[in-house]
Amino acid sequence: MPSKLFSVLATAALASAATTNTALQTTFPKSSGTTALAAVKTIAAGATFDGGMYQWDRSPSTCNGQAEGGDADAVFVLESGATLSNVVIGPNNGEGVHCKGTCTLNNVWWTDVCEDAATFKQTSGTSYVNGGGARNADDKVLQHNGGGTVAVKNFYVSNVGKVYRSCGNCGTQYARHSTFSNIKVDDASVVAGVNSNYGDTTYIHDSCILSSSLCWEYNGNDDGDEPTKIGSGPTGTACTTAAVKTTGC
């Protein structure tokens, strides 16, 4: 896309930014328009970007199925402390959003997930996913490669593999933590996959989980091998739940 046209679209997106709705929504929003980026867009440390409910994507597409990609395949890369709001992310990208440090995602939607929707790389601290949703992911939606905590609330997911996965074979491993509050999941293989041998924890509460397992435990490793699944269901240690409905919600 010519830089002048992108500048016009970006300005329009900012000017038309809607009030951020981080309540639980189970209908995907209609975009305000579309724009495709020739290269990844970086949000500076501590900065805020409001996408105005435009659909943002890559052209040419960087989606390569389930092949692992990097920052260059994402639509947005957020530096530490950045916030991304009011964005619809289209299908023609491999990695969606990469957070290099802690970040906040407010009302961000993924229409069709390629490899991952969002990847969290902070070494510590908490990243937040507030509102929004994702659908049609063959594998993972939220990939947690760094440390600290990923806190998800009011998030809607349908037709995916894993809603969240603590990296099972990263070269540097952490005790990772995740929380899920007032989410609705419809047809996922599992909400959270965690590595109990590294001290991971996940807490799912006050949520509606339909046609989906709640959690799977793995023995993770740091040598790149496929991790071994060792259990499923709430254990009260690595995986705990409270007030979760599995029917009638």
C-alpha atoms as a PDB file:
ATOM      1  CA  MET A   1       0.000   0.000   0.000  1.00  0.00           C
ATOM      2  CA  PRO A   2       1.409   3.446  -0.870  1.00  0.00           C
ATOM      3  CA  SER A   3       2.595   5.261   2.231  1.00  0.00           C
ATOM      4  CA  LYS A   4       0.379   8.268   1.509  1.00  0.00           C
ATOM      5  CA  LEU A   5      -2.740   6.081   1.332  1.00  0.00           C
ATOM      6  CA  PHE A   6      -1.767   4.287   4.533  1.00  0.00           C
ATOM      7  CA  SER A   7      -1.256   7.657   6.247  1.00  0.00           C
ATOM      8  CA  VAL A   8      -4.752   8.743   5.197  1.00  0.00           C
ATOM      9  CA  LEU A   9      -6.287   5.499   6.437  1.00  0.00           C
ATOM     10  CA  ALA A  10      -4.376   5.591   9.712  1.00  0.00           C
ATOM     11  CA  THR A  11      -5.470   9.174  10.324  1.00  0.00           C
ATOM     12  CA  ALA A  12      -9.066   8.226   9.569  1.00  0.00           C
ATOM     13  CA  ALA A  13      -8.839   5.303  11.954  1.00  0.00           C
ATOM     14  CA  LEU A  14      -7.640   7.503  14.766  1.00  0.00           C
ATOM     15  CA  ALA A  15     -10.232  10.157  14.050  1.00  0.00           C
ATOM     16  CA  SER A  16     -13.083   7.649  14.022  1.00  0.00           C
ATOM     17  CA  ALA A  17     -12.008   5.696  17.085  1.00  0.00           C
ATOM     18  CA  ALA A  18     -15.041   4.428  18.952  1.00  0.00           C
ATOM     19  CA  THR A  19     -15.379   4.237  22.681  1.00  0.00           C
ATOM     20  CA  THR A  20     -13.509   1.148  23.799  1.00  0.00           C
ATOM     21  CA  ASN A  21     -15.922  -1.625  24.773  1.00  0.00           C
ATOM     22  CA  THR A  22     -14.179  -4.198  26.943  1.00  0.00           C
ATOM     23  CA  ALA A  23     -17.371  -5.927  28.108  1.00  0.00           C
ATOM     24  CA  LEU A  24     -17.943  -9.521  27.019  1.00  0.00           C
ATOM     25  CA  GLN A  25     -19.334  -9.532  23.476  1.00  0.00           C
ATOM     26  CA  THR A  26     -20.214 -12.723  21.611  1.00  0.00           C
ATOM     27  CA  THR A  27     -20.801 -11.172  18.182  1.00  0.00           C
ATOM     28  CA  PHE A  28     -17.823 -10.152  16.107  1.00  0.00           C
ATOM     29  CA  PRO A  29     -17.917  -6.446  15.315  1.00  0.00           C
ATOM     30  CA  LYS A  30     -18.201  -4.986  11.850  1.00  0.00           C
ATOM     31  CA  SER A  31     -15.034  -3.172  10.881  1.00  0.00           C
ATOM     32  CA  SER A  32     -14.976   0.536  10.044  1.00  0.00           C
ATOM     33  CA  GLY A  33     -12.921  -0.177   6.935  1.00  0.00           C
ATOM     34  CA  THR A  34      -9.805  -2.080   5.973  1.00  0.00           C
ATOM     35  CA  THR A  35      -6.111  -1.386   5.678  1.00  0.00           C
ATOM     36  CA  ALA A  36      -3.197  -3.667   4.870  1.00  0.00           C
ATOM     37  CA  LEU A  37       0.373  -3.050   5.954  1.00  0.00           C
ATOM     38  CA  ALA A  38       3.443  -3.872   3.886  1.00  0.00           C
ATOM     39  CA  ALA A  39       5.450  -4.192   7.107  1.00  0.00           C
ATOM     40  CA  VAL A  40       4.737  -4.709  10.780  1.00  0.00           C
ATOM     41  CA  LYS A  41       3.534  -1.658  12.739  1.00  0.00           C
ATOM     42  CA  THR A  42       5.414  -1.064  16.003  1.00  0.00           C
ATOM     43  CA  ILE A  43       3.774   0.635  18.995  1.00  0.00           C
ATOM     44  CA  ALA A  44       6.434   2.347  21.096  1.00  0.00           C
ATOM     45  CA  ALA A  45       7.055   1.581  24.750  1.00  0.00           C
ATOM     46  CA  GLY A  46       4.327   3.054  26.923  1.00  0.00           C
ATOM     47  CA  ALA A  47       2.389   4.356  23.904  1.00  0.00           C
ATOM     48  CA  THR A  48      -1.272   3.811  23.056  1.00  0.00           C
ATOM     49  CA  PHE A  49      -2.654   3.073  19.596  1.00  0.00           C
ATOM     50  CA  ASP A  50      -6.379   3.132  18.837  1.00  0.00           C
ATOM     51  CA  GLY A  51      -7.231   1.389  15.571  1.00  0.00           C
ATOM     52  CA  GLY A  52     -10.693   2.901  15.262  1.00  0.00           C
ATOM     53  CA  MET A  53     -12.248  -0.560  14.693  1.00  0.00           C
ATOM     54  CA  TYR A  54     -10.588  -0.785  11.280  1.00  0.00           C
ATOM     55  CA  GLN A  55      -9.565  -4.230  10.075  1.00  0.00           C
ATOM     56  CA  TRP A  56      -5.768  -4.301  10.012  1.00  0.00           C
ATOM     57  CA  ASP A  57      -3.862  -6.920   8.062  1.00  0.00           C
ATOM     58  CA  ARG A  58      -0.720  -7.599   6.018  1.00  0.00           C
ATOM     59  CA  SER A  59      -0.199  -7.416   2.256  1.00  0.00           C
ATOM     60  CA  PRO A  60       1.244  -9.586   0.947  1.00  0.00           C
ATOM     61  CA  SER A  61       0.005 -12.157   3.445  1.00  0.00           C
ATOM     62  CA  THR A  62       2.497 -13.457   6.017  1.00  0.00           C
ATOM     63  CA  CYS A  63       0.341 -16.449   6.957  1.00  0.00           C
ATOM     64  CA  ASN A  64       2.223 -19.701   6.447  1.00  0.00           C
ATOM     65  CA  GLY A  65      -0.097 -22.171   8.107  1.00  0.00           C
ATOM     66  CA  GLN A  66       1.237 -23.586  11.376  1.00  0.00           C
ATOM     67  CA  ALA A  67       4.882 -22.756  10.604  1.00  0.00           C
ATOM     68  CA  GLU A  68       6.396 -20.710  13.432  1.00  0.00           C
ATOM     69  CA  GLY A  69       6.888 -17.055  12.523  1.00  0.00           C
ATOM     70  CA  GLY A  70       8.511 -14.050  14.141  1.00  0.00           C
ATOM     71  CA  ASP A  71       7.949 -10.357  14.764  1.00  0.00           C
ATOM     72  CA  ALA A  72       8.180  -9.604  11.035  1.00  0.00           C
ATOM     73  CA  ASP A  73       5.086 -11.749  10.380  1.00  0.00           C
ATOM     74  CA  ALA A  74       2.873  -9.892  12.871  1.00  0.00           C
ATOM     75  CA  VAL A  75       0.528  -6.984  12.217  1.00  0.00           C
ATOM     76  CA  PHE A  76       1.456  -5.145  15.425  1.00  0.00           C
ATOM     77  CA  VAL A  77       4.526  -5.386  17.644  1.00  0.00           C
ATOM     78  CA  LEU A  78       4.083  -3.734  21.043  1.00  0.00           C
ATOM     79  CA  GLU A  79       7.083  -2.566  23.009  1.00  0.00           C
ATOM     80  CA  SER A  80       6.979  -2.779  26.810  1.00  0.00           C
ATOM     81  CA  GLY A  81       3.973  -1.092  28.386  1.00  0.00           C
ATOM     82  CA  ALA A  82       2.192  -0.364  25.088  1.00  0.00           C
ATOM     83  CA  THR A  83      -1.589  -0.531  24.673  1.00  0.00           C
ATOM     84  CA  LEU A  84      -3.503  -1.576  21.563  1.00  0.00           C
ATOM     85  CA  SER A  85      -7.239  -0.849  21.386  1.00  0.00           C
ATOM     86  CA  ASN A  86     -10.197  -1.147  19.026  1.00  0.00           C
ATOM     87  CA  VAL A  87      -8.626  -3.293  16.327  1.00  0.00           C
ATOM     88  CA  VAL A  88      -9.951  -6.043  14.072  1.00  0.00           C
ATOM     89  CA  ILE A  89      -7.139  -8.238  12.762  1.00  0.00           C
ATOM     90  CA  GLY A  90      -7.763  -9.987   9.467  1.00  0.00           C
ATOM     91  CA  PRO A  91      -6.680 -13.414   8.160  1.00  0.00           C
ATOM     92  CA  ASN A  92      -3.638 -12.487   6.073  1.00  0.00           C
ATOM     93  CA  ASN A  93      -0.958 -12.510   8.747  1.00  0.00           C
ATOM     94  CA  GLY A  94       0.997 -15.190  10.535  1.00  0.00           C
ATOM     95  CA  GLU A  95       1.354 -13.815  14.033  1.00  0.00           C
ATOM     96  CA  GLY A  96      -1.268 -11.142  14.803  1.00  0.00           C
ATOM     97  CA  VAL A  97       0.150  -9.260  17.791  1.00  0.00           C
ATOM     98  CA  HIS A  98       3.548  -9.654  19.467  1.00  0.00           C
ATOM     99  CA  CYS A  99       4.097  -8.103  22.895  1.00  0.00           C
ATOM    100  CA  LYS A 100       7.832  -7.741  23.580  1.00  0.00           C
ATOM    101  CA  GLY A 101       7.179  -6.684  27.177  1.00  0.00           C
ATOM    102  CA  THR A 102       4.028  -6.316  29.226  1.00  0.00           C
ATOM    103  CA  CYS A 103       1.154  -4.974  27.153  1.00  0.00           C
ATOM    104  CA  THR A 104      -2.575  -4.315  27.214  1.00  0.00           C
ATOM    105  CA  LEU A 105      -4.981  -5.416  24.483  1.00  0.00           C
ATOM    106  CA  ASN A 106      -8.375  -3.722  24.707  1.00  0.00           C
ATOM    107  CA  ASN A 107     -11.215  -4.780  22.411  1.00  0.00           C
ATOM    108  CA  VAL A 108      -8.963  -6.564  19.916  1.00  0.00           C
ATOM    109  CA  TRP A 109     -10.578  -9.111  17.581  1.00  0.00           C
ATOM    110  CA  TRP A 110      -9.061 -11.769  15.323  1.00  0.00           C
ATOM    111  CA  THR A 111     -11.350 -12.895  12.486  1.00  0.00           C
ATOM    112  CA  ASP A 112      -9.320 -15.949  11.406  1.00  0.00           C
ATOM    113  CA  VAL A 113      -6.182 -16.889  13.325  1.00  0.00           C
ATOM    114  CA  CYS A 114      -3.246 -18.218  11.319  1.00  0.00           C
ATOM    115  CA  GLU A 115      -0.398 -19.458  13.565  1.00  0.00           C
ATOM    116  CA  ASP A 116      -1.106 -17.474  16.752  1.00  0.00           C
ATOM    117  CA  ALA A 117      -3.326 -14.497  17.544  1.00  0.00           C
ATOM    118  CA  ALA A 118      -1.111 -12.902  20.212  1.00  0.00           C
ATOM    119  CA  THR A 119       2.290 -13.816  21.669  1.00  0.00           C
ATOM    120  CA  PHE A 120       3.496 -12.558  25.048  1.00  0.00           C
ATOM    121  CA  LYS A 121       7.246 -12.259  25.607  1.00  0.00           C
ATOM    122  CA  GLN A 122       7.631 -10.282  28.825  1.00  0.00           C
ATOM    123  CA  THR A 123      10.098 -11.711  31.331  1.00  0.00           C
ATOM    124  CA  SER A 124       7.910 -10.651  34.279  1.00  0.00           C
ATOM    125  CA  GLY A 125       4.878  -8.551  35.125  1.00  0.00           C
ATOM    126  CA  THR A 126       1.314  -8.847  33.827  1.00  0.00           C
ATOM    127  CA  SER A 127      -0.155  -8.425  30.372  1.00  0.00           C
ATOM    128  CA  TYR A 128      -3.887  -7.841  29.998  1.00  0.00           C
ATOM    129  CA  VAL A 129      -6.438  -8.959  27.419  1.00  0.00           C
ATOM    130  CA  ASN A 130      -9.644  -7.019  28.037  1.00  0.00           C
ATOM    131  CA  GLY A 131     -12.660  -7.759  25.858  1.00  0.00           C
ATOM    132  CA  GLY A 132     -12.392  -8.758  22.227  1.00  0.00           C
ATOM    133  CA  GLY A 133     -12.265 -12.265  20.842  1.00  0.00           C
ATOM    134  CA  ALA A 134     -10.856 -14.731  18.328  1.00  0.00           C
ATOM    135  CA  ARG A 135     -12.150 -17.486  16.092  1.00  0.00           C
ATOM    136  CA  ASN A 136     -11.011 -20.154  13.660  1.00  0.00           C
ATOM    137  CA  ALA A 137      -7.584 -21.038  15.035  1.00  0.00           C
ATOM    138  CA  ASP A 138      -6.221 -24.441  14.076  1.00  0.00           C
ATOM    139  CA  ASP A 139      -3.941 -24.320  17.103  1.00  0.00           C
ATOM    140  CA  LYS A 140      -3.322 -21.510  19.614  1.00  0.00           C
ATOM    141  CA  VAL A 141      -4.887 -18.132  20.259  1.00  0.00           C
ATOM    142  CA  LEU A 142      -2.771 -16.735  23.112  1.00  0.00           C
ATOM    143  CA  GLN A 143       0.847 -17.939  23.160  1.00  0.00           C
ATOM    144  CA  HIS A 144       2.828 -17.220  26.350  1.00  0.00           C
ATOM    145  CA  ASN A 145       6.557 -17.476  25.605  1.00  0.00           C
ATOM    146  CA  GLY A 146       7.899 -15.157  28.297  1.00  0.00           C
ATOM    147  CA  GLY A 147       7.318 -15.085  32.043  1.00  0.00           C
ATOM    148  CA  GLY A 148       4.917 -13.343  34.384  1.00  0.00           C
ATOM    149  CA  THR A 149       1.152 -13.444  33.996  1.00  0.00           C
ATOM    150  CA  VAL A 150      -1.396 -13.121  31.204  1.00  0.00           C
ATOM    151  CA  ALA A 151      -4.743 -11.948  32.598  1.00  0.00           C
ATOM    152  CA  VAL A 152      -7.741 -12.424  30.302  1.00  0.00           C
ATOM    153  CA  LYS A 153     -11.260 -11.160  30.966  1.00  0.00           C
ATOM    154  CA  ASN A 154     -14.473 -10.689  28.992  1.00  0.00           C
ATOM    155  CA  PHE A 155     -12.973 -12.552  26.021  1.00  0.00           C
ATOM    156  CA  TYR A 156     -14.924 -14.592  23.446  1.00  0.00           C
ATOM    157  CA  VAL A 157     -13.475 -17.546  21.542  1.00  0.00           C
ATOM    158  CA  SER A 158     -15.008 -19.961  19.043  1.00  0.00           C
ATOM    159  CA  ASN A 159     -13.702 -22.846  16.947  1.00  0.00           C
ATOM    160  CA  VAL A 160     -10.087 -22.949  18.103  1.00  0.00           C
ATOM    161  CA  GLY A 161      -7.493 -25.394  19.333  1.00  0.00           C
ATOM    162  CA  LYS A 162      -6.012 -23.935  22.518  1.00  0.00           C
ATOM    163  CA  VAL A 163      -7.219 -20.612  23.902  1.00  0.00           C
ATOM    164  CA  TYR A 164      -3.919 -20.264  25.809  1.00  0.00           C
ATOM    165  CA  ARG A 165      -0.647 -22.159  25.825  1.00  0.00           C
ATOM    166  CA  SER A 166       2.360 -21.720  28.053  1.00  0.00           C
ATOM    167  CA  CYS A 167       5.282 -22.453  25.736  1.00  0.00           C
ATOM    168  CA  GLY A 168       6.091 -26.139  25.993  1.00  0.00           C
ATOM    169  CA  ASN A 169       9.572 -26.116  24.482  1.00  0.00           C
ATOM    170  CA  CYS A 170      11.045 -22.599  24.553  1.00  0.00           C
ATOM    171  CA  GLY A 171      14.781 -22.292  25.070  1.00  0.00           C
ATOM    172  CA  THR A 172      14.173 -20.221  28.205  1.00  0.00           C
ATOM    173  CA  GLN A 173      11.423 -21.495  30.478  1.00  0.00           C
ATOM    174  CA  TYR A 174       9.564 -19.766  33.316  1.00  0.00           C
ATOM    175  CA  ALA A 175       6.887 -20.421  35.872  1.00  0.00           C
ATOM    176  CA  ARG A 176       4.059 -18.820  33.906  1.00  0.00           C
ATOM    177  CA  HIS A 177       0.679 -17.804  35.236  1.00  0.00           C
ATOM    178  CA  SER A 178      -2.647 -17.102  33.562  1.00  0.00           C
ATOM    179  CA  THR A 179      -6.120 -16.064  34.698  1.00  0.00           C
ATOM    180  CA  PHE A 180      -9.430 -16.155  32.851  1.00  0.00           C
ATOM    181  CA  SER A 181     -12.443 -14.221  34.125  1.00  0.00           C
ATOM    182  CA  ASN A 182     -15.884 -14.010  32.496  1.00  0.00           C
ATOM    183  CA  ILE A 183     -14.766 -15.554  29.232  1.00  0.00           C
ATOM    184  CA  LYS A 184     -16.977 -17.510  26.853  1.00  0.00           C
ATOM    185  CA  VAL A 185     -15.448 -20.350  24.884  1.00  0.00           C
ATOM    186  CA  ASP A 186     -17.469 -22.269  22.318  1.00  0.00           C
ATOM    187  CA  ASP A 187     -15.784 -25.278  20.742  1.00  0.00           C
ATOM    188  CA  ALA A 188     -12.109 -25.340  21.687  1.00  0.00           C
ATOM    189  CA  SER A 189      -9.883 -28.315  22.293  1.00  0.00           C
ATOM    190  CA  VAL A 190      -8.836 -26.772  25.616  1.00  0.00           C
ATOM    191  CA  VAL A 191      -8.873 -23.429  27.394  1.00  0.00           C
ATOM    192  CA  ALA A 192      -5.353 -23.582  28.860  1.00  0.00           C
ATOM    193  CA  GLY A 193      -2.308 -25.757  28.348  1.00  0.00           C
ATOM    194  CA  VAL A 194       0.285 -25.403  31.115  1.00  0.00           C
ATOM    195  CA  ASN A 195       3.616 -26.934  32.105  1.00  0.00           C
ATOM    196  CA  SER A 196       3.176 -28.221  35.631  1.00  0.00           C
ATOM    197  CA  ASN A 197       6.846 -29.246  35.882  1.00  0.00           C
ATOM    198  CA  TYR A 198       7.846 -25.559  35.659  1.00  0.00           C
ATOM    199  CA  GLY A 199       5.322 -24.387  38.234  1.00  0.00           C
ATOM    200  CA  ASP A 200       2.754 -22.932  35.825  1.00  0.00           C
ATOM    201  CA  THR A 201      -0.679 -22.048  37.156  1.00  0.00           C
ATOM    202  CA  THR A 202      -3.953 -21.164  35.500  1.00  0.00           C
ATOM    203  CA  TYR A 203      -7.200 -20.026  37.139  1.00  0.00           C
ATOM    204  CA  ILE A 204     -10.469 -20.069  35.192  1.00  0.00           C
ATOM    205  CA  HIS A 205     -13.481 -18.593  36.958  1.00  0.00           C
ATOM    206  CA  ASP A 206     -16.950 -17.132  36.435  1.00  0.00           C
ATOM    207  CA  SER A 207     -16.927 -18.255  32.823  1.00  0.00           C
ATOM    208  CA  CYS A 208     -18.907 -20.181  30.209  1.00  0.00           C
ATOM    209  CA  ILE A 209     -16.956 -23.034  28.632  1.00  0.00           C
ATOM    210  CA  LEU A 210     -18.880 -25.024  26.003  1.00  0.00           C
ATOM    211  CA  SER A 211     -17.681 -28.139  24.172  1.00  0.00           C
ATOM    212  CA  SER A 212     -14.154 -27.603  25.469  1.00  0.00           C
ATOM    213  CA  SER A 213     -11.720 -29.086  27.966  1.00  0.00           C
ATOM    214  CA  LEU A 214     -10.701 -26.752  30.761  1.00  0.00           C
ATOM    215  CA  CYS A 215      -6.996 -27.453  31.039  1.00  0.00           C
ATOM    216  CA  TRP A 216      -4.242 -29.815  29.992  1.00  0.00           C
ATOM    217  CA  GLU A 217      -0.996 -30.324  31.862  1.00  0.00           C
ATOM    218  CA  TYR A 218       2.330 -30.965  30.193  1.00  0.00           C
ATOM    219  CA  ASN A 219       5.922 -31.734  31.036  1.00  0.00           C
ATOM    220  CA  GLY A 220       7.609 -28.885  29.215  1.00  0.00           C
ATOM    221  CA  ASN A 221      11.238 -28.763  28.138  1.00  0.00           C
ATOM    222  CA  ASP A 222      13.841 -26.254  26.988  1.00  0.00           C
ATOM    223  CA  ASP A 223      15.362 -28.227  24.121  1.00  0.00           C
ATOM    224  CA  GLY A 224      12.703 -27.820  21.461  1.00  0.00           C
ATOM    225  CA  ASP A 225      11.193 -31.295  21.732  1.00  0.00           C
ATOM    226  CA  GLU A 226       7.449 -31.782  21.596  1.00  0.00           C
ATOM    227  CA  PRO A 227       6.230 -31.563  25.221  1.00  0.00           C
ATOM    228  CA  THR A 228       4.514 -34.527  26.822  1.00  0.00           C
ATOM    229  CA  LYS A 229       0.893 -34.201  27.905  1.00  0.00           C
ATOM    230  CA  ILE A 230       0.538 -35.714  31.377  1.00  0.00           C
ATOM    231  CA  GLY A 231      -2.979 -34.880  32.506  1.00  0.00           C
ATOM    232  CA  SER A 232      -6.206 -32.981  32.029  1.00  0.00           C
ATOM    233  CA  GLY A 233      -8.861 -31.276  34.098  1.00  0.00           C
ATOM    234  CA  PRO A 234      -8.618 -29.088  37.200  1.00  0.00           C
ATOM    235  CA  THR A 235      -6.062 -30.453  39.663  1.00  0.00           C
ATOM    236  CA  GLY A 236      -6.237 -27.738  42.278  1.00  0.00           C
ATOM    237  CA  THR A 237      -2.549 -26.978  41.771  1.00  0.00           C
ATOM    238  CA  ALA A 238      -1.524 -26.174  38.216  1.00  0.00           C
ATOM    239  CA  CYS A 239      -5.142 -25.696  37.163  1.00  0.00           C
ATOM    240  CA  THR A 240      -7.954 -24.392  39.343  1.00  0.00           C
ATOM    241  CA  THR A 241     -11.487 -23.350  38.466  1.00  0.00           C
ATOM    242  CA  ALA A 242     -14.467 -21.737  40.169  1.00  0.00           C
ATOM    243  CA  ALA A 243     -18.001 -20.958  39.014  1.00  0.00           C
ATOM    244  CA  VAL A 244     -17.478 -22.341  35.528  1.00  0.00           C
ATOM    245  CA  LYS A 245     -20.580 -23.323  33.554  1.00  0.00           C
ATOM    246  CA  THR A 246     -20.317 -25.949  30.848  1.00  0.00           C
ATOM    247  CA  THR A 247     -23.971 -25.956  29.740  1.00  0.00           C
ATOM    248  CA  GLY A 248     -26.827 -23.501  29.584  1.00  0.00           C
ATOM    249  CA  CYS A 249     -24.776 -20.342  29.097  1.00  0.00           C
END
